[in-house]
Amino acid sequence: MEVERMQTLVASMDGKGPAEALYAVAELQKEVERTEASLVRQARQAGLSWEAIALCLGVSKQAVHRKYGKR
């Protein structure tokens, strides 16, 4: 996980103009997406069901399977 990278991006928004802050938010979203995908992979390898992963992410089983099931 790139927690430090996320913290750096969040901190970089302080005192910035809207355009710079939006750039940081876009980068943060990409980082969160990569981290989520990695954690879903780890969860599946550890034996968690799609239903359990969906519960953790607050989405339906179908949504999480559609997003990550074919990877």
Protein backbone atom coordinates (compact mmCIF):
# COMPACT_ATOMS: atom_id res chain seq x y z
CA MET A 1 0.00 0.00 0.00
CA GLU A 2 1.13 3.47 -0.76
CA VAL A 3 -0.19 5.11 2.40
CA GLU A 4 2.70 7.55 2.48
CA ARG A 5 1.97 8.57 -1.12
CA MET A 6 -1.68 9.17 -0.22
CA GLN A 7 -0.71 11.21 2.82
CA THR A 8 1.64 13.30 0.68
CA LEU A 9 -1.11 13.93 -1.87
CA VAL A 10 -3.61 14.94 0.81
CA ALA A 11 -1.06 17.25 2.45
CA SER A 12 -0.25 18.80 -0.92
CA MET A 13 -3.81 20.14 -1.18
CA ASP A 14 -3.37 22.51 1.76
CA GLY A 15 -2.98 26.09 0.67
CA LYS A 16 -3.16 25.28 -3.01
CA GLY A 17 -5.42 26.81 -5.60
CA PRO A 18 -8.40 24.86 -6.89
CA ALA A 19 -6.64 23.57 -10.01
CA GLU A 20 -3.64 22.25 -8.07
CA ALA A 21 -5.89 20.71 -5.44
CA LEU A 22 -7.97 19.00 -8.14
CA TYR A 23 -4.81 17.56 -9.65
CA ALA A 24 -3.89 16.14 -6.25
CA VAL A 25 -7.40 14.69 -5.83
CA ALA A 26 -7.19 13.00 -9.24
CA GLU A 27 -3.83 11.45 -8.31
CA LEU A 28 -5.22 10.38 -4.94
CA GLN A 29 -8.18 8.67 -6.64
CA LYS A 30 -5.79 6.74 -8.90
CA GLU A 31 -3.73 5.67 -5.91
CA VAL A 32 -6.83 4.56 -3.99
CA GLU A 33 -8.00 2.57 -7.04
CA ARG A 34 -4.65 0.78 -7.31
CA THR A 35 -4.63 0.04 -3.59
CA GLU A 36 -8.21 -1.26 -3.66
CA ALA A 37 -7.44 -3.58 -6.58
CA SER A 38 -4.38 -4.92 -4.78
CA LEU A 39 -6.32 -5.52 -1.57
CA VAL A 40 -9.16 -7.25 -3.41
CA ARG A 41 -6.59 -9.57 -5.03
CA GLN A 42 -5.06 -10.29 -1.63
CA ALA A 43 -8.49 -10.92 -0.12
CA ARG A 44 -9.40 -13.41 -2.86
CA GLN A 45 -6.06 -15.18 -2.47
CA ALA A 46 -6.74 -15.41 1.27
CA GLY A 47 -10.07 -17.11 0.53
CA LEU A 48 -12.53 -14.29 1.10
CA SER A 49 -15.74 -14.59 -0.90
CA TRP A 50 -16.96 -11.90 -3.28
CA GLU A 51 -19.79 -11.33 -0.80
CA ALA A 52 -17.36 -10.67 2.08
CA ILE A 53 -15.27 -8.31 -0.05
CA ALA A 54 -18.40 -6.48 -1.20
CA LEU A 55 -19.50 -6.05 2.40
CA CYS A 56 -16.13 -4.51 3.29
CA LEU A 57 -16.34 -2.11 0.36
CA GLY A 58 -19.99 -1.22 0.93
CA VAL A 59 -21.13 -2.37 -2.51
CA SER A 60 -23.08 -5.30 -3.90
CA LYS A 61 -21.48 -8.66 -4.58
CA GLN A 62 -22.33 -8.21 -8.24
CA ALA A 63 -20.64 -4.80 -8.40
CA VAL A 64 -17.37 -6.02 -6.89
CA HIS A 65 -17.34 -9.16 -9.03
CA ARG A 66 -18.06 -7.14 -12.17
CA LYS A 67 -15.20 -4.76 -11.35
CA TYR A 68 -12.58 -7.28 -10.23
CA GLY A 69 -13.81 -10.75 -11.16
CA LYS A 70 -12.23 -10.98 -14.58
CA ARG A 71 -8.76 -9.78 -13.60
